[in-house]
């Protein structure tokens, strides 16, 4: 099995920080996802991994406070455990690393409460497909599933 990965579910002004990955990346190019990546030998913990990856992908001026960690999920596509780390962000994102990120997407927390948000736009009859349509982007797979699970936790974390 590959090294585990961690993603940062960053909460900034009642919005969740998402990125659209650059087209030139080898894996998951142009997918919308939470900032994150594989654990590096220099990362003491997976929380460190999530924070390091967040800082590699985005230019953030402010403070970051880890508030919780969710249970890990297994990514069938990458065949690895992915650990979501939830953090409260106080500050502003002033740029993106264009080698890794095509664009920044800020998802309002209230969007998670809309039941239509979880319906696949091309196959609405299929239930339990975690596919979210927002800001002309399709959020699907593990990222959509993590957001769906976070929906029930957010009232405890805010």
N, C-alpha and C. Protein backbone atom coordinates (compact mmCIF):
# COMPACT_ATOMS: atom_id res chain seq x y z
N UNK A 1 0.84 -1.18 0.00
CA UNK A 1 0.00 0.00 0.00
C UNK A 1 0.89 1.25 0.00
N UNK A 2 0.41 2.28 -0.63
CA UNK A 2 1.15 3.54 -0.72
C UNK A 2 1.13 4.28 0.61
N UNK A 3 2.01 5.27 0.73
CA UNK A 3 1.99 6.13 1.91
C UNK A 3 0.61 6.75 2.05
N UNK A 4 0.17 6.99 3.28
CA UNK A 4 -1.13 7.65 3.46
C UNK A 4 -1.06 9.10 2.98
N UNK A 5 -2.22 9.67 2.80
CA UNK A 5 -2.33 11.07 2.39
C UNK A 5 -3.21 11.80 3.40
N UNK A 6 -3.12 13.11 3.39
CA UNK A 6 -3.97 13.94 4.24
C UNK A 6 -4.46 15.13 3.43
N UNK A 7 -5.68 15.55 3.72
CA UNK A 7 -6.25 16.73 3.08
C UNK A 7 -6.69 17.70 4.16
N UNK A 8 -6.65 18.98 3.84
CA UNK A 8 -7.06 20.01 4.79
C UNK A 8 -8.43 20.54 4.39
N UNK A 9 -9.40 20.33 5.26
CA UNK A 9 -10.72 20.91 5.07
C UNK A 9 -10.68 22.24 5.82
N UNK A 10 -10.28 23.27 5.09
CA UNK A 10 -10.09 24.59 5.67
C UNK A 10 -11.37 25.40 5.65
N UNK A 11 -11.71 25.97 6.81
CA UNK A 11 -12.91 26.80 6.94
C UNK A 11 -12.48 28.26 7.05
N UNK A 12 -12.85 29.05 6.06
CA UNK A 12 -12.48 30.45 6.00
C UNK A 12 -13.74 31.27 5.75
N UNK A 13 -14.14 32.07 6.73
CA UNK A 13 -15.33 32.93 6.59
C UNK A 13 -16.56 32.14 6.15
N UNK A 14 -16.84 31.04 6.84
CA UNK A 14 -17.99 30.18 6.55
C UNK A 14 -17.97 29.61 5.13
N UNK A 15 -16.77 29.39 4.62
CA UNK A 15 -16.59 28.76 3.32
C UNK A 15 -15.52 27.68 3.45
N UNK A 16 -15.63 26.66 2.60
CA UNK A 16 -14.64 25.58 2.55
C UNK A 16 -13.70 25.85 1.38
N UNK A 17 -12.41 25.74 1.65
CA UNK A 17 -11.39 25.99 0.63
C UNK A 17 -11.22 24.73 -0.23
N UNK A 18 -11.47 24.88 -1.52
CA UNK A 18 -11.25 23.81 -2.50
C UNK A 18 -10.33 24.34 -3.59
N UNK A 19 -9.68 23.43 -4.28
CA UNK A 19 -8.85 23.83 -5.42
C UNK A 19 -9.20 22.98 -6.63
N UNK A 20 -9.00 23.56 -7.79
CA UNK A 20 -9.07 22.78 -9.02
C UNK A 20 -7.62 22.54 -9.43
N UNK A 21 -7.25 21.28 -9.53
CA UNK A 21 -5.86 20.92 -9.82
C UNK A 21 -5.47 21.30 -11.25
N UNK A 22 -4.22 21.65 -11.43
CA UNK A 22 -3.70 22.06 -12.74
C UNK A 22 -3.78 20.93 -13.76
N UNK A 23 -3.93 21.30 -15.02
CA UNK A 23 -4.05 20.32 -16.10
C UNK A 23 -2.76 19.52 -16.30
N UNK A 24 -1.63 20.09 -15.96
CA UNK A 24 -0.36 19.42 -16.19
C UNK A 24 0.04 18.37 -15.16
N UNK A 25 -0.75 18.19 -14.13
CA UNK A 25 -0.41 17.21 -13.10
C UNK A 25 -0.67 15.79 -13.59
N UNK A 26 0.16 14.85 -13.12
CA UNK A 26 0.03 13.45 -13.56
C UNK A 26 -1.21 12.77 -13.00
N UNK A 27 -1.56 13.07 -11.77
CA UNK A 27 -2.73 12.41 -11.18
C UNK A 27 -3.79 13.43 -10.80
N UNK A 28 -5.02 13.05 -11.03
CA UNK A 28 -6.18 13.87 -10.67
C UNK A 28 -6.14 15.26 -11.28
N UNK A 29 -5.57 15.39 -12.49
CA UNK A 29 -5.50 16.71 -13.13
C UNK A 29 -6.91 17.23 -13.39
N UNK A 30 -7.07 18.51 -13.12
CA UNK A 30 -8.31 19.26 -13.29
C UNK A 30 -9.46 18.76 -12.41
N UNK A 31 -9.18 17.98 -11.39
CA UNK A 31 -10.21 17.59 -10.43
C UNK A 31 -10.32 18.67 -9.37
N UNK A 32 -11.53 18.85 -8.85
CA UNK A 32 -11.74 19.74 -7.73
C UNK A 32 -11.54 18.93 -6.46
N UNK A 33 -10.73 19.46 -5.55
CA UNK A 33 -10.40 18.68 -4.36
C UNK A 33 -10.06 19.60 -3.19
N UNK A 34 -9.92 18.98 -2.04
CA UNK A 34 -9.39 19.66 -0.87
C UNK A 34 -7.87 19.70 -1.01
N UNK A 35 -7.22 20.78 -0.57
CA UNK A 35 -5.76 20.80 -0.63
C UNK A 35 -5.18 19.63 0.18
N UNK A 36 -4.18 18.98 -0.37
CA UNK A 36 -3.58 17.86 0.35
C UNK A 36 -2.69 17.03 -0.53
N UNK A 37 -2.16 15.96 0.05
CA UNK A 37 -1.29 15.07 -0.69
C UNK A 37 -0.69 14.00 0.20
N UNK A 38 0.28 13.29 -0.36
CA UNK A 38 0.87 12.15 0.34
C UNK A 38 1.81 12.60 1.46
N UNK A 39 1.86 11.76 2.49
CA UNK A 39 2.76 12.02 3.61
C UNK A 39 4.20 11.92 3.13
N UNK A 40 4.99 12.88 3.53
CA UNK A 40 6.40 12.95 3.18
C UNK A 40 7.22 12.45 4.37
N UNK A 41 8.43 11.97 4.10
CA UNK A 41 9.29 11.48 5.18
C UNK A 41 9.54 12.54 6.25
N UNK A 42 9.48 13.82 5.87
CA UNK A 42 9.74 14.90 6.82
C UNK A 42 8.52 15.25 7.67
N UNK A 43 7.35 14.72 7.32
CA UNK A 43 6.12 15.02 8.07
C UNK A 43 6.06 14.14 9.32
N UNK A 44 6.04 14.78 10.47
CA UNK A 44 5.97 14.04 11.72
C UNK A 44 4.62 13.35 11.89
N UNK A 45 3.56 14.04 11.46
CA UNK A 45 2.20 13.49 11.57
C UNK A 45 1.44 13.80 10.29
N UNK A 46 0.27 13.19 10.15
CA UNK A 46 -0.58 13.48 8.99
C UNK A 46 -1.18 14.87 9.08
N UNK A 47 -1.32 15.41 10.27
CA UNK A 47 -1.74 16.81 10.41
C UNK A 47 -0.68 17.70 9.77
N UNK A 48 0.60 17.40 10.03
CA UNK A 48 1.69 18.15 9.39
C UNK A 48 1.62 18.03 7.87
N UNK A 49 1.27 16.84 7.38
CA UNK A 49 1.14 16.62 5.93
C UNK A 49 0.08 17.54 5.35
N UNK A 50 -1.10 17.58 5.98
CA UNK A 50 -2.20 18.41 5.47
C UNK A 50 -1.81 19.88 5.45
N UNK A 51 -1.17 20.35 6.51
CA UNK A 51 -0.77 21.76 6.58
C UNK A 51 0.32 22.06 5.56
N UNK A 52 1.31 21.18 5.43
CA UNK A 52 2.39 21.39 4.45
C UNK A 52 1.83 21.48 3.04
N UNK A 53 0.96 20.54 2.70
CA UNK A 53 0.37 20.53 1.35
C UNK A 53 -0.48 21.78 1.10
N UNK A 54 -1.26 22.18 2.10
CA UNK A 54 -2.06 23.40 1.99
C UNK A 54 -1.15 24.59 1.66
N UNK A 55 -0.04 24.70 2.40
CA UNK A 55 0.88 25.81 2.18
C UNK A 55 1.65 25.70 0.87
N UNK A 56 1.84 24.50 0.35
CA UNK A 56 2.48 24.34 -0.96
C UNK A 56 1.55 24.76 -2.09
N UNK A 57 0.26 24.53 -1.91
CA UNK A 57 -0.70 24.80 -2.97
C UNK A 57 -1.22 26.23 -2.97
N UNK A 58 -1.32 26.84 -1.79
CA UNK A 58 -1.93 28.16 -1.66
C UNK A 58 -1.04 29.11 -0.89
N UNK A 59 -1.14 30.40 -1.22
CA UNK A 59 -0.48 31.44 -0.43
C UNK A 59 -1.51 31.96 0.55
N UNK A 60 -1.28 31.67 1.83
CA UNK A 60 -2.23 32.04 2.88
C UNK A 60 -1.54 32.94 3.88
N UNK A 61 -2.13 34.10 4.11
CA UNK A 61 -1.62 35.03 5.12
C UNK A 61 -2.59 35.04 6.28
N UNK A 62 -2.18 34.44 7.38
CA UNK A 62 -3.05 34.40 8.55
C UNK A 62 -2.71 33.23 9.44
N UNK A 63 -3.66 32.88 10.30
CA UNK A 63 -3.44 31.78 11.24
C UNK A 63 -4.32 30.60 10.87
N UNK A 64 -3.83 29.43 11.23
CA UNK A 64 -4.52 28.18 10.94
C UNK A 64 -4.59 27.40 12.25
N UNK A 65 -5.80 27.03 12.66
CA UNK A 65 -5.98 26.27 13.90
C UNK A 65 -6.68 24.96 13.58
N UNK A 66 -6.00 23.85 13.80
CA UNK A 66 -6.61 22.53 13.60
C UNK A 66 -7.65 22.33 14.69
N UNK A 67 -8.88 22.00 14.28
CA UNK A 67 -9.96 21.82 15.25
C UNK A 67 -10.39 20.38 15.41
N UNK A 68 -10.18 19.55 14.39
CA UNK A 68 -10.59 18.14 14.47
C UNK A 68 -9.99 17.37 13.31
N UNK A 69 -10.02 16.06 13.45
CA UNK A 69 -9.65 15.16 12.36
C UNK A 69 -10.80 14.18 12.16
N UNK A 70 -11.11 13.88 10.92
CA UNK A 70 -12.16 12.91 10.62
C UNK A 70 -11.52 11.54 10.47
N UNK A 71 -12.35 10.50 10.55
CA UNK A 71 -11.84 9.15 10.31
C UNK A 71 -11.29 9.07 8.89
N UNK A 72 -10.23 8.31 8.70
CA UNK A 72 -9.66 8.20 7.35
C UNK A 72 -10.61 7.47 6.40
N UNK A 73 -10.48 7.79 5.15
CA UNK A 73 -11.24 7.14 4.09
C UNK A 73 -10.24 6.46 3.16
N UNK A 74 -10.69 5.41 2.51
CA UNK A 74 -9.82 4.71 1.57
C UNK A 74 -10.17 5.15 0.15
N UNK A 75 -9.17 5.62 -0.57
CA UNK A 75 -9.36 6.01 -1.96
C UNK A 75 -9.09 4.80 -2.85
N UNK A 76 -10.12 4.35 -3.52
CA UNK A 76 -9.98 3.22 -4.43
C UNK A 76 -9.08 3.59 -5.61
N UNK A 77 -9.21 4.82 -6.07
CA UNK A 77 -8.46 5.27 -7.24
C UNK A 77 -6.95 5.31 -6.94
N UNK A 78 -6.57 5.93 -5.83
CA UNK A 78 -5.14 6.05 -5.51
C UNK A 78 -4.65 4.92 -4.61
N UNK A 79 -5.55 4.09 -4.14
CA UNK A 79 -5.25 2.94 -3.28
C UNK A 79 -4.45 3.35 -2.05
N UNK A 80 -5.01 4.32 -1.32
CA UNK A 80 -4.35 4.76 -0.10
C UNK A 80 -5.37 5.34 0.88
N UNK A 81 -4.97 5.36 2.14
CA UNK A 81 -5.79 5.99 3.17
C UNK A 81 -5.64 7.50 3.05
N UNK A 82 -6.75 8.21 3.18
CA UNK A 82 -6.74 9.67 3.13
C UNK A 82 -7.34 10.17 4.44
N UNK A 83 -6.60 11.02 5.14
CA UNK A 83 -6.99 11.54 6.45
C UNK A 83 -7.43 13.00 6.33
N UNK A 84 -8.72 13.29 6.49
CA UNK A 84 -9.19 14.68 6.46
C UNK A 84 -8.88 15.38 7.79
N UNK A 85 -8.27 16.55 7.70
CA UNK A 85 -7.93 17.38 8.85
C UNK A 85 -8.75 18.66 8.72
N UNK A 86 -9.52 18.99 9.75
CA UNK A 86 -10.38 20.18 9.72
C UNK A 86 -9.65 21.31 10.44
N UNK A 87 -9.63 22.49 9.80
CA UNK A 87 -8.93 23.63 10.39
C UNK A 87 -9.73 24.91 10.18
N UNK A 88 -9.69 25.76 11.19
CA UNK A 88 -10.27 27.10 11.12
C UNK A 88 -9.18 28.03 10.61
N UNK A 89 -9.47 28.77 9.56
CA UNK A 89 -8.51 29.71 8.97
C UNK A 89 -8.94 31.13 9.29
N UNK A 90 -8.00 31.95 9.70
CA UNK A 90 -8.28 33.36 9.96
C UNK A 90 -7.25 34.16 9.18
N UNK A 91 -7.68 34.78 8.11
CA UNK A 91 -6.77 35.53 7.25
C UNK A 91 -7.30 35.55 5.83
N UNK A 92 -6.39 35.54 4.87
CA UNK A 92 -6.84 35.54 3.48
C UNK A 92 -5.89 34.74 2.59
N UNK A 93 -6.47 34.15 1.57
CA UNK A 93 -5.69 33.44 0.55
C UNK A 93 -5.40 34.45 -0.55
N UNK A 94 -4.12 34.69 -0.78
CA UNK A 94 -3.74 35.74 -1.73
C UNK A 94 -3.21 35.21 -3.06
N UNK A 95 -3.05 33.88 -3.17
CA UNK A 95 -2.56 33.34 -4.42
C UNK A 95 -2.56 31.83 -4.42
N UNK A 96 -2.28 31.27 -5.60
CA UNK A 96 -2.20 29.81 -5.75
C UNK A 96 -0.88 29.46 -6.42
N UNK A 97 -0.39 28.26 -6.14
CA UNK A 97 0.79 27.72 -6.82
C UNK A 97 0.31 27.20 -8.17
N UNK A 98 0.59 27.92 -9.24
CA UNK A 98 0.04 27.58 -10.55
C UNK A 98 0.57 26.27 -11.10
N UNK A 99 1.66 25.75 -10.55
CA UNK A 99 2.14 24.43 -10.96
C UNK A 99 1.19 23.33 -10.49
N UNK A 100 0.47 23.59 -9.40
CA UNK A 100 -0.40 22.58 -8.81
C UNK A 100 -1.88 22.94 -8.88
N UNK A 101 -2.19 24.23 -8.88
CA UNK A 101 -3.59 24.67 -8.75
C UNK A 101 -3.98 25.55 -9.93
N UNK A 102 -5.07 25.17 -10.59
CA UNK A 102 -5.60 25.99 -11.68
C UNK A 102 -6.41 27.16 -11.14
N UNK A 103 -7.23 26.87 -10.11
CA UNK A 103 -8.01 27.95 -9.52
C UNK A 103 -8.50 27.58 -8.13
N UNK A 104 -8.81 28.60 -7.37
CA UNK A 104 -9.34 28.47 -6.02
C UNK A 104 -10.86 28.49 -6.09
N UNK A 105 -11.50 27.62 -5.33
CA UNK A 105 -12.96 27.57 -5.26
C UNK A 105 -13.35 27.66 -3.79
N UNK A 106 -14.20 28.62 -3.47
CA UNK A 106 -14.67 28.79 -2.09
C UNK A 106 -16.12 28.32 -2.03
N UNK A 107 -16.35 27.22 -1.34
CA UNK A 107 -17.67 26.60 -1.24
C UNK A 107 -18.36 27.07 0.04
N UNK A 108 -19.49 27.80 -0.07
CA UNK A 108 -20.20 28.24 1.13
C UNK A 108 -20.70 27.04 1.94
N UNK A 109 -20.55 27.12 3.26
CA UNK A 109 -20.98 26.03 4.13
C UNK A 109 -22.46 25.70 3.96
N UNK A 110 -23.29 26.71 3.75
CA UNK A 110 -24.73 26.45 3.63
C UNK A 110 -25.06 25.59 2.41
N UNK A 111 -24.17 25.56 1.44
CA UNK A 111 -24.38 24.73 0.26
C UNK A 111 -24.47 23.25 0.64
N UNK A 112 -23.81 22.85 1.72
CA UNK A 112 -23.82 21.46 2.15
C UNK A 112 -25.20 21.00 2.61
N UNK A 113 -26.07 21.94 2.96
CA UNK A 113 -27.42 21.60 3.44
C UNK A 113 -28.42 21.37 2.31
N UNK A 114 -28.09 21.76 1.11
CA UNK A 114 -29.00 21.62 -0.04
C UNK A 114 -28.98 20.18 -0.54
N UNK A 115 -30.10 19.47 -0.38
CA UNK A 115 -30.14 18.06 -0.78
C UNK A 115 -29.92 17.88 -2.28
N UNK A 116 -30.30 18.86 -3.09
CA UNK A 116 -30.07 18.77 -4.54
C UNK A 116 -28.59 18.87 -4.89
N UNK A 117 -27.81 19.37 -3.97
CA UNK A 117 -26.37 19.52 -4.16
C UNK A 117 -25.70 18.16 -4.34
N UNK A 118 -26.32 17.11 -3.81
CA UNK A 118 -25.72 15.77 -3.84
C UNK A 118 -26.26 14.89 -4.96
N UNK A 119 -26.95 15.47 -5.90
CA UNK A 119 -27.52 14.71 -7.01
C UNK A 119 -26.60 14.83 -8.21
N UNK A 120 -26.29 13.70 -8.81
CA UNK A 120 -25.44 13.70 -10.00
C UNK A 120 -26.19 14.42 -11.12
N UNK A 121 -25.60 15.46 -11.72
CA UNK A 121 -26.33 16.24 -12.72
C UNK A 121 -26.71 15.45 -13.97
N UNK A 122 -25.96 14.39 -14.28
CA UNK A 122 -26.25 13.61 -15.49
C UNK A 122 -27.09 12.37 -15.20
N UNK A 123 -27.10 11.92 -13.94
CA UNK A 123 -27.82 10.70 -13.55
C UNK A 123 -28.59 10.95 -12.25
N UNK A 124 -29.61 11.83 -12.26
CA UNK A 124 -30.30 12.18 -11.02
C UNK A 124 -31.03 11.01 -10.37
N UNK A 125 -31.32 9.96 -11.13
CA UNK A 125 -32.04 8.81 -10.57
C UNK A 125 -31.15 7.92 -9.71
N UNK A 126 -29.85 8.06 -9.83
CA UNK A 126 -28.93 7.22 -9.06
C UNK A 126 -28.75 7.84 -7.67
N UNK A 127 -29.09 7.07 -6.66
CA UNK A 127 -28.95 7.53 -5.28
C UNK A 127 -27.55 7.20 -4.76
N UNK A 128 -27.12 7.95 -3.79
CA UNK A 128 -25.85 7.73 -3.10
C UNK A 128 -24.64 7.86 -4.01
N UNK A 129 -24.77 8.66 -5.03
CA UNK A 129 -23.61 9.03 -5.85
C UNK A 129 -23.17 10.38 -5.32
N UNK A 130 -22.01 10.45 -4.79
CA UNK A 130 -21.55 11.70 -4.23
C UNK A 130 -20.92 12.53 -5.34
N UNK A 131 -21.74 13.42 -5.86
CA UNK A 131 -21.33 14.25 -6.98
C UNK A 131 -21.99 15.60 -6.78
N UNK A 132 -21.20 16.63 -6.66
CA UNK A 132 -21.70 17.95 -6.34
C UNK A 132 -21.41 18.90 -7.49
N UNK A 133 -22.38 19.70 -7.83
CA UNK A 133 -22.24 20.65 -8.91
C UNK A 133 -22.22 22.05 -8.30
N UNK A 134 -21.09 22.73 -8.44
CA UNK A 134 -20.98 24.07 -7.86
C UNK A 134 -20.02 24.92 -8.69
N UNK A 135 -20.41 26.15 -8.93
CA UNK A 135 -19.55 27.13 -9.59
C UNK A 135 -19.00 26.60 -10.92
N UNK A 136 -19.87 25.97 -11.70
CA UNK A 136 -19.51 25.39 -13.00
C UNK A 136 -18.44 24.31 -12.91
N UNK A 137 -18.34 23.67 -11.76
CA UNK A 137 -17.38 22.59 -11.55
C UNK A 137 -18.11 21.39 -10.96
N UNK A 138 -17.62 20.21 -11.27
CA UNK A 138 -18.15 18.98 -10.71
C UNK A 138 -17.21 18.52 -9.61
N UNK A 139 -17.75 18.39 -8.41
CA UNK A 139 -16.99 17.89 -7.26
C UNK A 139 -17.48 16.47 -7.05
N UNK A 140 -16.60 15.49 -7.16
CA UNK A 140 -17.06 14.10 -7.10
C UNK A 140 -16.06 13.24 -6.35
N UNK A 141 -16.37 11.96 -6.27
CA UNK A 141 -15.46 11.00 -5.66
C UNK A 141 -15.25 11.24 -4.19
N UNK A 142 -14.03 11.00 -3.75
CA UNK A 142 -13.70 11.07 -2.33
C UNK A 142 -13.90 12.48 -1.76
N UNK A 143 -13.59 13.51 -2.53
CA UNK A 143 -13.79 14.88 -2.05
C UNK A 143 -15.26 15.12 -1.74
N UNK A 144 -16.15 14.73 -2.64
CA UNK A 144 -17.58 14.91 -2.41
C UNK A 144 -18.04 14.10 -1.20
N UNK A 145 -17.51 12.90 -1.04
CA UNK A 145 -17.89 12.05 0.09
C UNK A 145 -17.43 12.66 1.41
N UNK A 146 -16.22 13.19 1.45
CA UNK A 146 -15.72 13.84 2.67
C UNK A 146 -16.59 15.05 3.01
N UNK A 147 -16.97 15.85 2.01
CA UNK A 147 -17.84 17.00 2.26
C UNK A 147 -19.20 16.55 2.78
N UNK A 148 -19.73 15.46 2.22
CA UNK A 148 -21.01 14.93 2.66
C UNK A 148 -20.93 14.50 4.13
N UNK A 149 -19.87 13.84 4.51
CA UNK A 149 -19.70 13.41 5.90
C UNK A 149 -19.48 14.60 6.83
N UNK A 150 -18.77 15.61 6.35
CA UNK A 150 -18.52 16.80 7.15
C UNK A 150 -19.81 17.54 7.47
N UNK A 151 -20.78 17.46 6.58
CA UNK A 151 -22.06 18.15 6.76
C UNK A 151 -22.65 17.87 8.15
N UNK A 152 -22.55 16.64 8.61
CA UNK A 152 -23.12 16.28 9.91
C UNK A 152 -22.23 16.69 11.08
N UNK A 153 -20.98 16.99 10.82
CA UNK A 153 -20.04 17.36 11.88
C UNK A 153 -19.92 18.87 12.06
N UNK A 154 -20.26 19.63 11.05
CA UNK A 154 -19.92 21.05 11.04
C UNK A 154 -20.51 21.84 12.20
N UNK A 155 -21.68 21.44 12.70
CA UNK A 155 -22.28 22.18 13.81
C UNK A 155 -21.46 22.03 15.09
N UNK A 156 -20.71 20.95 15.21
CA UNK A 156 -19.88 20.74 16.40
C UNK A 156 -18.55 21.48 16.31
N UNK A 157 -18.16 21.84 15.11
CA UNK A 157 -16.82 22.36 14.89
C UNK A 157 -16.80 23.88 14.75
N UNK A 158 -17.87 24.48 14.32
CA UNK A 158 -17.91 25.92 14.04
C UNK A 158 -17.67 26.77 15.21
